[in-house]
Amino acid sequence: MKWSAIITTYNSEDVIGRALRSLADLPLSEKPSVVVVVDNASSDHTVNIVESYRDAVPLKIVLNKLNMGLSMANNIGAAGAERGSLFFLNPDVEIIPGAITVLMKFQEEHPDAAIIGPAMTDEDGNQQSSARSWPGPLVIASRRTPLGQTSPGRRISLLHLNRFNSSVLPVRSQWLVGAAMWLTPNGLEKVGLMSEKYFLYFEDVEWCWRAWKKGMEVWFEPGAKIRHVCQRESASGGTTFNHHLKSMLRFFISHPAVLLGAGPGRRI
């Protein structure tokens, strides 16, 4: 099985060691051909921690002099990967043994699959939302305004978060959360990589939208599992919130159909 792991880091010293250890601990049949870590000019000890895993995993390290954003850094990582499938991972995830086998098997059986997402659980084993519907205006309002505190708002939010994610069988999803996105060779050829117009946030939404528009498919495969220590930084304001807002506006302007509740892929 040929696949490469691509991880973009930025001040990730608290989590990147566990991610790399999980890759090192995979059984031989699931080990990656290469692990490409692209660091976006971290100011902490991230790079030192990554360097300490040179003997544990087949490692390539790319050191950006500036923070290039997530999409561009991921694409830089893809350029250093081996031929085969590409698994784009956040530095705060851990691969559970067996996940790679499931993803590879699914890829072989579904040649029209471009992007596949695994099930994500937190450290206590609680499943997280990773397969979602298109984020139309009501969805945004239910998650960002007092509407979310009302019964209708909560229903809208839960449907957005869990409509596809609640499946126990593989299901076509409208889009996948970018913490763990498996790009198939067919997906790379027909859809390409992430759009570098998005510095941070919504690059995953746009990528899945483009896959559907190209006639490919986006799938959630709950049989493949990873652990994810998730922090919704955009909810706390500051720079990350500003990036989230800018990316959201860019997506809506580029894809106005979503404002009307429309979009490619499986309908709710």
Protein backbone atom coordinates (compact mmCIF):
# COMPACT_ATOMS: atom_id res chain seq x y z
CA MET A 1 0.00 0.00 0.00
CA LYS A 2 1.55 3.27 -1.14
CA TRP A 3 0.55 6.31 0.82
CA SER A 4 2.12 9.44 2.28
CA ALA A 5 1.22 11.41 5.39
CA ILE A 6 1.31 15.21 5.13
CA ILE A 7 1.18 17.31 8.28
CA THR A 8 1.36 21.09 8.51
CA THR A 9 2.55 22.41 11.84
CA TYR A 10 2.45 25.83 13.47
CA ASN A 11 3.44 26.04 17.13
CA SER A 12 2.28 22.45 17.55
CA GLU A 13 4.73 21.28 20.22
CA ASP A 14 1.95 20.02 22.52
CA VAL A 15 0.52 17.54 20.00
CA ILE A 16 2.87 16.74 17.12
CA GLY A 17 4.86 14.13 19.04
CA ARG A 18 1.78 12.00 19.62
CA ALA A 19 0.81 12.25 15.95
CA LEU A 20 4.23 11.09 14.81
CA ARG A 21 4.35 8.34 17.43
CA SER A 22 1.02 6.99 16.17
CA LEU A 23 2.49 6.78 12.65
CA ALA A 24 5.62 5.09 13.95
CA ASP A 25 3.52 2.52 15.83
CA LEU A 26 1.46 1.43 12.83
CA PRO A 27 1.90 -2.19 11.74
CA LEU A 28 4.33 -2.72 8.88
CA SER A 29 1.51 -3.30 6.40
CA GLU A 30 0.10 0.18 7.12
CA LYS A 31 3.24 2.29 7.44
CA PRO A 32 3.52 5.34 5.16
CA SER A 33 6.10 5.60 2.40
CA VAL A 34 7.02 9.03 3.76
CA VAL A 35 5.82 11.50 6.38
CA VAL A 36 6.15 15.07 5.14
CA VAL A 37 5.98 17.71 7.88
CA VAL A 38 5.73 21.30 6.70
CA ASP A 39 6.36 23.82 9.46
CA ASN A 40 4.90 27.29 9.07
CA ALA A 41 7.62 29.18 10.95
CA SER A 42 6.84 27.90 14.44
CA SER A 43 8.31 29.90 17.31
CA ASP A 44 8.12 27.07 19.87
CA HIS A 45 9.85 23.64 20.02
CA THR A 46 7.77 22.02 17.26
CA VAL A 47 10.68 21.53 14.86
CA ASN A 48 12.91 19.99 17.54
CA ILE A 49 10.20 17.48 18.42
CA VAL A 50 9.68 16.59 14.76
CA GLU A 51 13.44 16.15 14.28
CA SER A 52 13.52 13.68 17.16
CA TYR A 53 11.37 11.27 15.08
CA ARG A 54 13.80 10.94 12.17
CA ASP A 55 14.69 7.38 13.18
CA ALA A 56 11.08 6.39 13.90
CA VAL A 57 9.36 7.34 10.61
CA PRO A 58 10.53 8.00 7.03
CA LEU A 59 10.56 11.75 7.56
CA LYS A 60 10.90 14.81 5.35
CA ILE A 61 10.81 18.23 6.97
CA VAL A 62 10.10 21.46 5.10
CA LEU A 63 10.78 24.68 7.01
CA ASN A 64 8.86 27.68 5.72
CA LYS A 65 10.36 31.03 6.61
CA LEU A 66 6.89 32.52 6.94
CA ASN A 67 3.46 31.23 7.87
CA MET A 68 2.18 30.31 4.41
CA GLY A 69 -1.26 29.21 5.56
CA LEU A 70 -2.66 25.71 5.73
CA SER A 71 -3.57 25.10 2.09
CA MET A 72 -0.28 26.29 0.64
CA ALA A 73 1.74 24.38 3.24
CA ASN A 74 -0.24 21.20 2.59
CA ASN A 75 0.36 21.58 -1.13
CA ILE A 76 4.07 22.07 -0.51
CA GLY A 77 3.97 18.84 1.49
CA ALA A 78 2.20 17.04 -1.33
CA ALA A 79 5.04 18.00 -3.68
CA GLY A 80 7.43 16.11 -1.41
CA ALA A 81 5.27 13.01 -1.09
CA GLU A 82 5.61 9.66 -2.83
CA ARG A 83 3.27 8.53 -5.57
CA GLY A 84 0.06 7.00 -4.25
CA SER A 85 -2.59 8.18 -1.81
CA LEU A 86 -2.09 11.31 0.28
CA PHE A 87 -3.37 11.59 3.84
CA PHE A 88 -3.57 15.23 4.98
CA LEU A 89 -3.51 15.31 8.77
CA ASN A 90 -3.66 17.99 11.43
CA PRO A 91 -0.85 17.76 13.99
CA ASP A 92 -3.41 16.98 16.72
CA VAL A 93 -4.56 13.62 15.35
CA GLU A 94 -3.44 10.07 16.06
CA ILE A 95 -3.92 7.25 13.57
CA ILE A 96 -5.47 4.13 15.10
CA PRO A 97 -4.11 0.86 13.65
CA GLY A 98 -6.45 -0.57 11.04
CA ALA A 99 -7.57 2.80 9.69
CA ILE A 100 -5.17 2.74 6.73
CA THR A 101 -6.24 -0.75 5.70
CA VAL A 102 -9.89 0.33 5.71
CA LEU A 103 -9.18 3.47 3.67
CA MET A 104 -7.10 1.59 1.11
CA LYS A 105 -9.74 -1.09 0.67
CA PHE A 106 -12.47 1.49 0.29
CA GLN A 107 -10.42 3.39 -2.28
CA GLU A 108 -9.92 0.25 -4.36
CA GLU A 109 -13.64 -0.54 -4.31
CA HIS A 110 -14.76 3.03 -5.13
CA PRO A 111 -12.75 4.39 -8.07
CA ASP A 112 -14.93 7.53 -8.20
CA ALA A 113 -13.98 8.50 -4.64
CA ALA A 114 -11.76 11.58 -4.58
CA ILE A 115 -11.65 12.38 -0.86
CA ILE A 116 -12.37 10.02 2.03
CA GLY A 117 -12.74 10.99 5.66
CA PRO A 118 -12.34 8.70 8.69
CA ALA A 119 -14.38 8.80 11.87
CA MET A 120 -12.84 11.01 14.54
CA THR A 121 -13.11 10.45 18.27
CA ASP A 122 -11.82 12.48 21.18
CA GLU A 123 -9.54 11.03 23.82
CA ASP A 124 -12.54 9.61 25.70
CA GLY A 125 -13.81 7.80 22.60
CA ASN A 126 -16.68 10.21 21.90
CA GLN A 127 -17.35 10.60 18.18
CA GLN A 128 -16.80 14.05 16.70
CA SER A 129 -18.57 15.62 13.77
CA SER A 130 -16.40 15.22 10.67
CA ALA A 131 -18.89 14.76 7.79
CA ARG A 132 -21.21 17.70 7.29
CA SER A 133 -23.75 19.43 5.06
CA TRP A 134 -23.00 22.63 3.15
CA PRO A 135 -22.82 25.62 5.53
CA GLY A 136 -25.70 27.79 4.35
CA PRO A 137 -26.82 31.01 6.06
CA LEU A 138 -29.12 29.28 8.56
CA VAL A 139 -26.32 26.92 9.53
CA ILE A 140 -23.91 29.81 10.08
CA ALA A 141 -26.53 31.67 12.10
CA SER A 142 -27.26 28.62 14.24
CA ARG A 143 -23.58 28.30 15.10
CA ARG A 144 -22.57 31.97 15.39
CA THR A 145 -25.61 33.87 16.69
CA PRO A 146 -28.21 33.56 19.48
CA LEU A 147 -30.33 31.50 17.06
CA GLY A 148 -28.20 28.56 18.17
CA GLN A 149 -29.67 28.84 21.68
CA THR A 150 -33.20 28.25 20.41
CA SER A 151 -34.81 24.88 19.66
CA PRO A 152 -34.99 25.51 15.88
CA GLY A 153 -31.38 26.71 15.89
CA ARG A 154 -30.18 23.64 17.74
CA ARG A 155 -32.01 21.37 15.28
CA ILE A 156 -30.42 23.15 12.31
CA SER A 157 -26.97 22.88 13.86
CA LEU A 158 -27.31 19.21 14.80
CA LEU A 159 -28.56 18.30 11.33
CA HIS A 160 -25.61 20.12 9.77
CA LEU A 161 -23.10 18.42 12.07
CA ASN A 162 -24.51 14.91 12.19
CA ARG A 163 -26.60 14.17 9.09
CA PHE A 164 -23.79 12.14 7.49
CA ASN A 165 -21.54 11.69 10.49
CA SER A 166 -24.12 9.56 12.33
CA SER A 167 -23.91 6.73 9.79
CA VAL A 168 -22.39 3.40 10.83
CA LEU A 169 -21.78 2.52 7.17
CA PRO A 170 -19.82 4.44 4.52
CA VAL A 171 -21.89 7.32 3.18
CA ARG A 172 -21.42 10.05 0.60
CA SER A 173 -20.96 13.32 2.48
CA GLN A 174 -21.21 16.84 1.16
CA TRP A 175 -17.93 17.87 2.82
CA LEU A 176 -15.41 16.61 5.35
CA VAL A 177 -13.62 18.35 8.19
CA GLY A 178 -10.01 18.97 7.17
CA ALA A 179 -8.32 17.43 10.21
CA ALA A 180 -7.96 14.15 8.29
CA MET A 181 -8.60 13.99 4.54
CA TRP A 182 -7.51 11.04 2.40
CA LEU A 183 -6.91 12.02 -1.24
CA THR A 184 -7.00 9.14 -3.69
CA PRO A 185 -4.75 9.01 -6.78
CA ASN A 186 -7.85 9.47 -8.96
CA GLY A 187 -8.84 12.44 -6.83
CA LEU A 188 -5.42 14.02 -7.23
CA GLU A 189 -5.57 13.60 -10.99
CA LYS A 190 -9.13 14.85 -11.52
CA VAL A 191 -9.65 17.32 -8.67
CA GLY A 192 -6.18 18.47 -7.66
CA LEU A 193 -5.00 19.85 -4.36
CA MET A 194 -6.38 22.45 -1.95
CA SER A 195 -7.08 25.97 -3.15
CA GLU A 196 -4.36 28.32 -1.98
CA LYS A 197 -6.83 31.20 -2.02
CA TYR A 198 -7.83 30.04 1.47
CA PHE A 199 -5.21 30.83 4.11
CA LEU A 200 -7.05 29.02 6.89
CA TYR A 201 -10.58 27.55 7.14
CA PHE A 202 -13.03 26.62 4.38
CA GLU A 203 -10.25 25.08 2.31
CA ASP A 204 -11.80 21.71 3.17
CA VAL A 205 -15.30 22.86 2.19
CA GLU A 206 -14.11 24.27 -1.14
CA TRP A 207 -12.06 21.15 -1.91
CA CYS A 208 -15.05 18.86 -1.44
CA TRP A 209 -17.30 21.21 -3.44
CA ARG A 210 -14.79 21.09 -6.30
CA ALA A 211 -14.58 17.30 -6.12
CA TRP A 212 -18.34 16.97 -6.56
CA LYS A 213 -18.30 19.52 -9.39
CA LYS A 214 -15.59 17.49 -11.15
CA GLY A 215 -17.83 14.42 -11.13
CA MET A 216 -15.98 12.71 -8.28
CA GLU A 217 -17.30 11.68 -4.85
CA VAL A 218 -16.64 12.58 -1.21
CA TRP A 219 -17.13 9.76 1.31
CA PHE A 220 -17.24 9.33 5.06
CA GLU A 221 -15.84 5.94 6.07
CA PRO A 222 -16.63 5.31 9.77
CA GLY A 223 -14.72 2.02 9.73
CA ALA A 224 -11.48 4.00 9.65
CA LYS A 225 -10.87 5.68 12.99
CA ILE A 226 -8.52 8.32 14.33
CA ARG A 227 -8.24 10.26 17.59
CA HIS A 228 -8.49 14.02 17.35
CA VAL A 229 -7.74 16.52 20.10
CA CYS A 230 -9.91 19.28 18.68
CA GLN A 231 -9.90 22.97 19.62
CA ARG A 232 -12.33 25.33 17.90
CA GLU A 233 -9.95 28.27 17.94
CA SER A 234 -12.17 30.38 15.67
CA ALA A 235 -14.87 30.41 18.35
CA SER A 236 -12.62 32.34 20.75
CA GLY A 237 -12.09 35.39 18.53
CA GLY A 238 -8.80 36.98 17.51
CA THR A 239 -6.74 36.18 14.44
CA THR A 240 -8.21 32.74 13.84
CA PHE A 241 -11.74 34.14 13.91
CA ASN A 242 -10.75 36.77 11.35
CA HIS A 243 -9.31 34.09 9.06
CA HIS A 244 -12.50 32.07 9.46
CA LEU A 245 -14.66 35.07 8.55
CA LYS A 246 -12.56 36.02 5.52
CA SER A 247 -12.54 32.45 4.21
CA MET A 248 -16.27 32.08 4.75
CA LEU A 249 -16.99 35.25 2.79
CA ARG A 250 -14.67 34.15 0.00
CA PHE A 251 -16.46 30.80 -0.22
CA PHE A 252 -19.93 32.41 -0.32
CA ILE A 253 -18.85 34.90 -2.98
CA SER A 254 -17.26 32.15 -5.09
CA HIS A 255 -20.15 29.71 -4.60
CA PRO A 256 -23.35 31.79 -4.16
CA ALA A 257 -25.58 28.74 -4.64
CA VAL A 258 -24.87 27.74 -1.05
CA LEU A 259 -26.66 30.91 0.09
CA LEU A 260 -29.82 29.39 -1.34
CA GLY A 261 -29.24 26.06 0.36
CA ALA A 262 -28.04 24.43 -2.86
CA GLY A 263 -24.85 22.63 -3.70
CA PRO A 264 -23.38 19.55 -5.36
CA GLY A 265 -23.23 16.09 -3.85
CA ARG A 266 -25.77 14.19 -1.80
CA ARG A 267 -28.83 16.14 -0.76
CA ILE A 268 -30.19 16.17 2.77
